[in-house]
Amino acid sequence: MLRYKRFWEKVTSSITTVQDRIDTTCDLQPEMWGWQLSSGRLDPCTTDLPPAPELLLKMIRCNCKSDCRSKCCTCRKHGLE
């Protein structure tokens, strides 16, 4: 709660202006950016692509300082070695 209170104080005392409306002159089409219009509402499109290139997924590894045997470590749960 203290963290939220400090955040709120910072936001309310901010000198910068926050844009509170959407610019109506924007001509971007949601259908061209991963959304599809169905039944009058926009739904996100799913993809068959992997989340990242395979080489990058192989480079991700555990960064724990322990040997990952305790139940606190979630490396094995997520399949990291």
PDB file of N, CA and C in Angstrom:
ATOM      1  N   MET A   1       0.823  -1.193   0.000  1.00  0.00           N
ATOM      2  CA  MET A   1       0.000   0.000   0.000  1.00  0.00           C
ATOM      3  C   MET A   1       0.869   1.260   0.000  1.00  0.00           C
ATOM      4  N   LEU A   2       1.992   1.201   0.718  1.00  0.00           N
ATOM      5  CA  LEU A   2       2.902   2.343   0.760  1.00  0.00           C
ATOM      6  C   LEU A   2       3.460   2.643  -0.630  1.00  0.00           C
ATOM      7  N   ARG A   3       3.756   1.592  -1.376  1.00  0.00           N
ATOM      8  CA  ARG A   3       4.294   1.778  -2.723  1.00  0.00           C
ATOM      9  C   ARG A   3       3.272   2.489  -3.613  1.00  0.00           C
ATOM     10  N   TYR A   4       2.011   2.070  -3.523  1.00  0.00           N
ATOM     11  CA  TYR A   4       0.951   2.694  -4.313  1.00  0.00           C
ATOM     12  C   TYR A   4       0.768   4.153  -3.896  1.00  0.00           C
ATOM     13  N   LYS A   5       0.828   4.424  -2.592  1.00  0.00           N
ATOM     14  CA  LYS A   5       0.660   5.790  -2.103  1.00  0.00           C
ATOM     15  C   LYS A   5       1.762   6.691  -2.644  1.00  0.00           C
ATOM     16  N   ARG A   6       2.996   6.201  -2.615  1.00  0.00           N
ATOM     17  CA  ARG A   6       4.107   6.996  -3.155  1.00  0.00           C
ATOM     18  C   ARG A   6       3.953   7.212  -4.659  1.00  0.00           C
ATOM     19  N   PHE A   7       3.517   6.176  -5.364  1.00  0.00           N
ATOM     20  CA  PHE A   7       3.284   6.299  -6.799  1.00  0.00           C
ATOM     21  C   PHE A   7       2.215   7.353  -7.062  1.00  0.00           C
ATOM     22  N   TRP A   8       1.121   7.294  -6.328  1.00  0.00           N
ATOM     23  CA  TRP A   8       0.012   8.222  -6.531  1.00  0.00           C
ATOM     24  C   TRP A   8       0.450   9.658  -6.240  1.00  0.00           C
ATOM     25  N   GLU A   9       1.236   9.857  -5.193  1.00  0.00           N
ATOM     26  CA  GLU A   9       1.741  11.192  -4.884  1.00  0.00           C
ATOM     27  C   GLU A   9       2.630  11.709  -6.010  1.00  0.00           C
ATOM     28  N   LYS A  10       3.438  10.839  -6.574  1.00  0.00           N
ATOM     29  CA  LYS A  10       4.321  11.231  -7.670  1.00  0.00           C
ATOM     30  C   LYS A  10       3.517  11.599  -8.915  1.00  0.00           C
ATOM     31  N   VAL A  11       2.492  10.810  -9.213  1.00  0.00           N
ATOM     32  CA  VAL A  11       1.677  11.065 -10.402  1.00  0.00           C
ATOM     33  C   VAL A  11       0.890  12.356 -10.245  1.00  0.00           C
ATOM     34  N   THR A  12       0.273  12.561  -9.089  1.00  0.00           N
ATOM     35  CA  THR A  12      -0.552  13.756  -8.900  1.00  0.00           C
ATOM     36  C   THR A  12       0.272  15.028  -8.795  1.00  0.00           C
ATOM     37  N   SER A  13       1.540  14.923  -8.445  1.00  0.00           N
ATOM     38  CA  SER A  13       2.381  16.114  -8.358  1.00  0.00           C
ATOM     39  C   SER A  13       3.195  16.337  -9.628  1.00  0.00           C
ATOM     40  N   SER A  14       2.979  15.510 -10.618  1.00  0.00           N
ATOM     41  CA  SER A  14       3.757  15.595 -11.846  1.00  0.00           C
ATOM     42  C   SER A  14       3.422  16.866 -12.621  1.00  0.00           C
ATOM     43  N   ILE A  15       4.433  17.465 -13.201  1.00  0.00           N
ATOM     44  CA  ILE A  15       4.241  18.681 -13.979  1.00  0.00           C
ATOM     45  C   ILE A  15       3.879  18.337 -15.427  1.00  0.00           C
ATOM     46  N   THR A  16       4.247  17.167 -15.882  1.00  0.00           N
ATOM     47  CA  THR A  16       3.998  16.796 -17.267  1.00  0.00           C
ATOM     48  C   THR A  16       2.513  16.592 -17.523  1.00  0.00           C
ATOM     49  N   THR A  17       2.130  16.767 -18.752  1.00  0.00           N
ATOM     50  CA  THR A  17       0.739  16.611 -19.150  1.00  0.00           C
ATOM     51  C   THR A  17       0.510  15.191 -19.632  1.00  0.00           C
ATOM     52  N   VAL A  18      -0.624  14.633 -19.287  1.00  0.00           N
ATOM     53  CA  VAL A  18      -0.983  13.294 -19.716  1.00  0.00           C
ATOM     54  C   VAL A  18      -2.061  13.416 -20.788  1.00  0.00           C
ATOM     55  N   GLN A  19      -1.867  12.735 -21.903  1.00  0.00           N
ATOM     56  CA  GLN A  19      -2.870  12.758 -22.959  1.00  0.00           C
ATOM     57  C   GLN A  19      -4.057  11.921 -22.508  1.00  0.00           C
ATOM     58  N   ASP A  20      -5.235  12.533 -22.458  1.00  0.00           N
ATOM     59  CA  ASP A  20      -6.404  11.836 -21.943  1.00  0.00           C
ATOM     60  C   ASP A  20      -7.429  11.510 -23.013  1.00  0.00           C
ATOM     61  N   ARG A  21      -7.065  11.634 -24.262  1.00  0.00           N
ATOM     62  CA  ARG A  21      -7.977  11.271 -25.340  1.00  0.00           C
ATOM     63  C   ARG A  21      -7.181  10.683 -26.497  1.00  0.00           C
ATOM     64  N   ILE A  22      -7.887  10.007 -27.363  1.00  0.00           N
ATOM     65  CA  ILE A  22      -7.258   9.422 -28.544  1.00  0.00           C
ATOM     66  C   ILE A  22      -7.391  10.404 -29.697  1.00  0.00           C
ATOM     67  N   ASP A  23      -6.323  10.604 -30.394  1.00  0.00           N
ATOM     68  CA  ASP A  23      -6.334  11.502 -31.534  1.00  0.00           C
ATOM     69  C   ASP A  23      -7.225  10.919 -32.617  1.00  0.00           C
ATOM     70  N   THR A  24      -8.235  11.663 -33.031  1.00  0.00           N
ATOM     71  CA  THR A  24      -9.184  11.158 -34.027  1.00  0.00           C
ATOM     72  C   THR A  24      -8.629  11.217 -35.441  1.00  0.00           C
ATOM     73  N   THR A  25      -7.489  11.867 -35.641  1.00  0.00           N
ATOM     74  CA  THR A  25      -6.912  11.927 -36.979  1.00  0.00           C
ATOM     75  C   THR A  25      -6.039  10.715 -37.281  1.00  0.00           C
ATOM     76  N   CYS A  26      -5.895   9.813 -36.335  1.00  0.00           N
ATOM     77  CA  CYS A  26      -5.082   8.619 -36.531  1.00  0.00           C
ATOM     78  C   CYS A  26      -5.780   7.687 -37.517  1.00  0.00           C
ATOM     79  N   ASP A  27      -5.081   7.279 -38.563  1.00  0.00           N
ATOM     80  CA  ASP A  27      -5.703   6.434 -39.580  1.00  0.00           C
ATOM     81  C   ASP A  27      -5.136   5.014 -39.598  1.00  0.00           C
ATOM     82  N   LEU A  28      -4.617   4.533 -38.471  1.00  0.00           N
ATOM     83  CA  LEU A  28      -4.118   3.162 -38.394  1.00  0.00           C
ATOM     84  C   LEU A  28      -5.289   2.192 -38.320  1.00  0.00           C
ATOM     85  N   GLN A  29      -5.210   1.119 -39.083  1.00  0.00           N
ATOM     86  CA  GLN A  29      -6.255   0.105 -39.090  1.00  0.00           C
ATOM     87  C   GLN A  29      -5.874  -1.017 -38.136  1.00  0.00           C
ATOM     88  N   PRO A  30      -6.711  -1.345 -37.152  1.00  0.00           N
ATOM     89  CA  PRO A  30      -6.383  -2.414 -36.208  1.00  0.00           C
ATOM     90  C   PRO A  30      -6.198  -3.767 -36.893  1.00  0.00           C
ATOM     91  N   GLU A  31      -6.901  -3.974 -37.998  1.00  0.00           N
ATOM     92  CA  GLU A  31      -6.801  -5.244 -38.715  1.00  0.00           C
ATOM     93  C   GLU A  31      -5.408  -5.467 -39.298  1.00  0.00           C
ATOM     94  N   MET A  32      -4.654  -4.397 -39.493  1.00  0.00           N
ATOM     95  CA  MET A  32      -3.303  -4.505 -40.034  1.00  0.00           C
ATOM     96  C   MET A  32      -2.266  -4.715 -38.929  1.00  0.00           C
ATOM     97  N   TRP A  33      -2.697  -4.721 -37.667  1.00  0.00           N
ATOM     98  CA  TRP A  33      -1.775  -4.795 -36.540  1.00  0.00           C
ATOM     99  C   TRP A  33      -2.128  -5.923 -35.579  1.00  0.00           C
ATOM    100  N   GLY A  34      -2.641  -7.039 -36.107  1.00  0.00           N
ATOM    101  CA  GLY A  34      -2.854  -8.223 -35.286  1.00  0.00           C
ATOM    102  C   GLY A  34      -4.217  -8.341 -34.636  1.00  0.00           C
ATOM    103  N   TRP A  35      -5.192  -7.607 -35.123  1.00  0.00           N
ATOM    104  CA  TRP A  35      -6.543  -7.687 -34.580  1.00  0.00           C
ATOM    105  C   TRP A  35      -7.507  -8.047 -35.699  1.00  0.00           C
ATOM    106  N   GLN A  36      -8.607  -8.706 -35.343  1.00  0.00           N
ATOM    107  CA  GLN A  36      -9.637  -9.019 -36.329  1.00  0.00           C
ATOM    108  C   GLN A  36     -10.985  -8.553 -35.793  1.00  0.00           C
ATOM    109  N   LEU A  37     -11.810  -8.028 -36.681  1.00  0.00           N
ATOM    110  CA  LEU A  37     -13.127  -7.537 -36.315  1.00  0.00           C
ATOM    111  C   LEU A  37     -14.127  -8.671 -36.461  1.00  0.00           C
ATOM    112  N   SER A  38     -14.782  -9.043 -35.364  1.00  0.00           N
ATOM    113  CA  SER A  38     -15.798 -10.092 -35.412  1.00  0.00           C
ATOM    114  C   SER A  38     -16.926  -9.735 -34.455  1.00  0.00           C
ATOM    115  N   SER A  39     -18.132  -9.780 -34.960  1.00  0.00           N
ATOM    116  CA  SER A  39     -19.334  -9.448 -34.185  1.00  0.00           C
ATOM    117  C   SER A  39     -19.266  -8.042 -33.594  1.00  0.00           C
ATOM    118  N   GLY A  40     -18.696  -7.120 -34.338  1.00  0.00           N
ATOM    119  CA  GLY A  40     -18.637  -5.738 -33.899  1.00  0.00           C
ATOM    120  C   GLY A  40     -17.598  -5.437 -32.835  1.00  0.00           C
ATOM    121  N   ARG A  41     -16.704  -6.376 -32.566  1.00  0.00           N
ATOM    122  CA  ARG A  41     -15.652  -6.123 -31.581  1.00  0.00           C
ATOM    123  C   ARG A  41     -14.316  -6.607 -32.120  1.00  0.00           C
ATOM    124  N   LEU A  42     -13.247  -6.063 -31.570  1.00  0.00           N
ATOM    125  CA  LEU A  42     -11.904  -6.437 -31.999  1.00  0.00           C
ATOM    126  C   LEU A  42     -11.370  -7.552 -31.114  1.00  0.00           C
ATOM    127  N   ASP A  43     -10.894  -8.616 -31.749  1.00  0.00           N
ATOM    128  CA  ASP A  43     -10.296  -9.744 -31.046  1.00  0.00           C
ATOM    129  C   ASP A  43      -8.865  -9.910 -31.536  1.00  0.00           C
ATOM    130  N   PRO A  44      -7.927 -10.263 -30.652  1.00  0.00           N
ATOM    131  CA  PRO A  44      -6.546 -10.472 -31.094  1.00  0.00           C
ATOM    132  C   PRO A  44      -6.431 -11.721 -31.962  1.00  0.00           C
ATOM    133  N   CYS A  45      -5.587 -11.655 -32.968  1.00  0.00           N
ATOM    134  CA  CYS A  45      -5.329 -12.806 -33.838  1.00  0.00           C
ATOM    135  C   CYS A  45      -4.272 -13.690 -33.183  1.00  0.00           C
ATOM    136  N   THR A  46      -4.463 -14.985 -33.286  1.00  0.00           N
ATOM    137  CA  THR A  46      -3.456 -15.912 -32.778  1.00  0.00           C
ATOM    138  C   THR A  46      -2.445 -16.202 -33.881  1.00  0.00           C
ATOM    139  N   THR A  47      -1.308 -16.725 -33.495  1.00  0.00           N
ATOM    140  CA  THR A  47      -0.251 -17.003 -34.460  1.00  0.00           C
ATOM    141  C   THR A  47       0.328 -18.389 -34.227  1.00  0.00           C
ATOM    142  N   ASP A  48       0.894 -18.956 -35.264  1.00  0.00           N
ATOM    143  CA  ASP A  48       1.569 -20.241 -35.166  1.00  0.00           C
ATOM    144  C   ASP A  48       3.081 -20.065 -35.049  1.00  0.00           C
ATOM    145  N   LEU A  49       3.544 -18.828 -35.049  1.00  0.00           N
ATOM    146  CA  LEU A  49       4.976 -18.562 -34.976  1.00  0.00           C
ATOM    147  C   LEU A  49       5.499 -18.841 -33.570  1.00  0.00           C
ATOM    148  N   PRO A  50       6.744 -19.255 -33.442  1.00  0.00           N
ATOM    149  CA  PRO A  50       7.327 -19.470 -32.106  1.00  0.00           C
ATOM    150  C   PRO A  50       7.507 -18.125 -31.395  1.00  0.00           C
ATOM    151  N   PRO A  51       7.600 -18.122 -30.065  1.00  0.00           N
ATOM    152  CA  PRO A  51       7.742 -16.866 -29.331  1.00  0.00           C
ATOM    153  C   PRO A  51       9.062 -16.149 -29.595  1.00  0.00           C
ATOM    154  N   ALA A  52      10.081 -16.905 -29.981  1.00  0.00           N
ATOM    155  CA  ALA A  52      11.399 -16.336 -30.277  1.00  0.00           C
ATOM    156  C   ALA A  52      12.128 -17.313 -31.195  1.00  0.00           C
ATOM    157  N   PRO A  53      13.176 -16.868 -31.890  1.00  0.00           N
ATOM    158  CA  PRO A  53      13.958 -17.795 -32.708  1.00  0.00           C
ATOM    159  C   PRO A  53      14.540 -18.925 -31.855  1.00  0.00           C
ATOM    160  N   GLU A  54      14.662 -20.104 -32.440  1.00  0.00           N
ATOM    161  CA  GLU A  54      15.131 -21.289 -31.716  1.00  0.00           C
ATOM    162  C   GLU A  54      16.517 -21.075 -31.105  1.00  0.00           C
ATOM    163  N   LEU A  55      17.390 -20.385 -31.814  1.00  0.00           N
ATOM    164  CA  LEU A  55      18.732 -20.109 -31.296  1.00  0.00           C
ATOM    165  C   LEU A  55      18.666 -19.295 -30.000  1.00  0.00           C
ATOM    166  N   LEU A  56      17.790 -18.314 -29.955  1.00  0.00           N
ATOM    167  CA  LEU A  56      17.636 -17.503 -28.749  1.00  0.00           C
ATOM    168  C   LEU A  56      17.063 -18.324 -27.604  1.00  0.00           C
ATOM    169  N   LEU A  57      16.114 -19.185 -27.886  1.00  0.00           N
ATOM    170  CA  LEU A  57      15.533 -20.026 -26.845  1.00  0.00           C
ATOM    171  C   LEU A  57      16.567 -20.977 -26.254  1.00  0.00           C
ATOM    172  N   LYS A  58      17.542 -21.402 -27.063  1.00  0.00           N
ATOM    173  CA  LYS A  58      18.593 -22.284 -26.559  1.00  0.00           C
ATOM    174  C   LYS A  58      19.606 -21.525 -25.707  1.00  0.00           C
ATOM    175  N   MET A  59      19.732 -20.222 -25.917  1.00  0.00           N
ATOM    176  CA  MET A  59      20.684 -19.421 -25.155  1.00  0.00           C
ATOM    177  C   MET A  59      20.165 -19.080 -23.760  1.00  0.00           C
ATOM    178  N   ILE A  60      18.851 -19.114 -23.566  1.00  0.00           N
ATOM    179  CA  ILE A  60      18.276 -18.795 -22.258  1.00  0.00           C
ATOM    180  C   ILE A  60      18.623 -19.914 -21.295  1.00  0.00           C
ATOM    181  N   ARG A  61      19.146 -19.555 -20.135  1.00  0.00           N
ATOM    182  CA  ARG A  61      19.540 -20.576 -19.168  1.00  0.00           C
ATOM    183  C   ARG A  61      19.265 -20.075 -17.760  1.00  0.00           C
ATOM    184  N   CYS A  62      19.389 -20.984 -16.830  1.00  0.00           N
ATOM    185  CA  CYS A  62      19.182 -20.680 -15.417  1.00  0.00           C
ATOM    186  C   CYS A  62      20.303 -19.774 -14.924  1.00  0.00           C
ATOM    187  N   ASN A  63      19.956 -18.797 -14.118  1.00  0.00           N
ATOM    188  CA  ASN A  63      20.946 -17.878 -13.570  1.00  0.00           C
ATOM    189  C   ASN A  63      20.995 -17.958 -12.046  1.00  0.00           C
ATOM    190  N   CYS A  64      20.513 -19.060 -11.483  1.00  0.00           N
ATOM    191  CA  CYS A  64      20.460 -19.209 -10.027  1.00  0.00           C
ATOM    192  C   CYS A  64      21.856 -19.391  -9.450  1.00  0.00           C
ATOM    193  N   LYS A  65      21.993 -18.965  -8.205  1.00  0.00           N
ATOM    194  CA  LYS A  65      23.266 -19.135  -7.511  1.00  0.00           C
ATOM    195  C   LYS A  65      23.312 -20.457  -6.766  1.00  0.00           C
ATOM    196  N   SER A  66      22.163 -21.086  -6.574  1.00  0.00           N
ATOM    197  CA  SER A  66      22.118 -22.386  -5.891  1.00  0.00           C
ATOM    198  C   SER A  66      22.156 -23.502  -6.930  1.00  0.00           C
ATOM    199  N   ASP A  67      22.016 -24.732  -6.477  1.00  0.00           N
ATOM    200  CA  ASP A  67      22.054 -25.863  -7.405  1.00  0.00           C
ATOM    201  C   ASP A  67      20.660 -26.247  -7.906  1.00  0.00           C
ATOM    202  N   CYS A  68      19.664 -25.425  -7.651  1.00  0.00           N
ATOM    203  CA  CYS A  68      18.299 -25.589  -8.160  1.00  0.00           C
ATOM    204  C   CYS A  68      17.612 -26.846  -7.637  1.00  0.00           C
ATOM    205  N   ARG A  69      17.962 -27.308  -6.465  1.00  0.00           N
ATOM    206  CA  ARG A  69      17.322 -28.496  -5.915  1.00  0.00           C
ATOM    207  C   ARG A  69      16.202 -28.152  -4.938  1.00  0.00           C
ATOM    208  N   SER A  70      16.152 -26.922  -4.470  1.00  0.00           N
ATOM    209  CA  SER A  70      15.115 -26.552  -3.504  1.00  0.00           C
ATOM    210  C   SER A  70      13.798 -26.281  -4.220  1.00  0.00           C
ATOM    211  N   LYS A  71      12.724 -26.274  -3.454  1.00  0.00           N
ATOM    212  CA  LYS A  71      11.413 -26.015  -4.035  1.00  0.00           C
ATOM    213  C   LYS A  71      11.205 -24.535  -4.335  1.00  0.00           C
ATOM    214  N   CYS A  72      12.104 -23.687  -3.846  1.00  0.00           N
ATOM    215  CA  CYS A  72      12.005 -22.250  -4.123  1.00  0.00           C
ATOM    216  C   CYS A  72      12.406 -21.940  -5.566  1.00  0.00           C
ATOM    217  N   CYS A  73      13.259 -22.743  -6.125  1.00  0.00           N
ATOM    218  CA  CYS A  73      13.746 -22.524  -7.481  1.00  0.00           C
ATOM    219  C   CYS A  73      12.726 -23.061  -8.481  1.00  0.00           C
ATOM    220  N   THR A  74      12.363 -22.247  -9.460  1.00  0.00           N
ATOM    221  CA  THR A  74      11.372 -22.667 -10.453  1.00  0.00           C
ATOM    222  C   THR A  74      12.004 -22.986 -11.798  1.00  0.00           C
ATOM    223  N   CYS A  75      13.324 -23.087 -11.843  1.00  0.00           N
ATOM    224  CA  CYS A  75      14.014 -23.351 -13.111  1.00  0.00           C
ATOM    225  C   CYS A  75      13.567 -24.671 -13.731  1.00  0.00           C
ATOM    226  N   ARG A  76      13.552 -25.709 -12.939  1.00  0.00           N
ATOM    227  CA  ARG A  76      13.169 -27.021 -13.479  1.00  0.00           C
ATOM    228  C   ARG A  76      11.705 -27.040 -13.870  1.00  0.00           C
ATOM    229  N   LYS A  77      10.893 -26.328 -13.113  1.00  0.00           N
ATOM    230  CA  LYS A  77       9.464 -26.258 -13.421  1.00  0.00           C
ATOM    231  C   LYS A  77       9.247 -25.652 -14.805  1.00  0.00           C
ATOM    232  N   HIS A  78      10.066 -24.659 -15.155  1.00  0.00           N
ATOM    233  CA  HIS A  78       9.939 -23.994 -16.445  1.00  0.00           C
ATOM    234  C   HIS A  78      10.799 -24.639 -17.526  1.00  0.00           C
ATOM    235  N   GLY A  79      11.481 -25.715 -17.207  1.00  0.00           N
ATOM    236  CA  GLY A  79      12.247 -26.449 -18.202  1.00  0.00           C
ATOM    237  C   GLY A  79      13.617 -25.880 -18.493  1.00  0.00           C
ATOM    238  N   LEU A  80      14.146 -25.025 -17.626  1.00  0.00           N
ATOM    239  CA  LEU A  80      15.489 -24.491 -17.837  1.00  0.00           C
ATOM    240  C   LEU A  80      16.517 -25.425 -17.231  1.00  0.00           C
ATOM    241  N   GLU A  81      17.714 -25.422 -17.798  1.00  0.00           N
ATOM    242  CA  GLU A  81      18.791 -26.272 -17.289  1.00  0.00           C
ATOM    243  C   GLU A  81      19.928 -25.426 -16.780  1.00  0.00           C
TER     244      GLU A  81
END
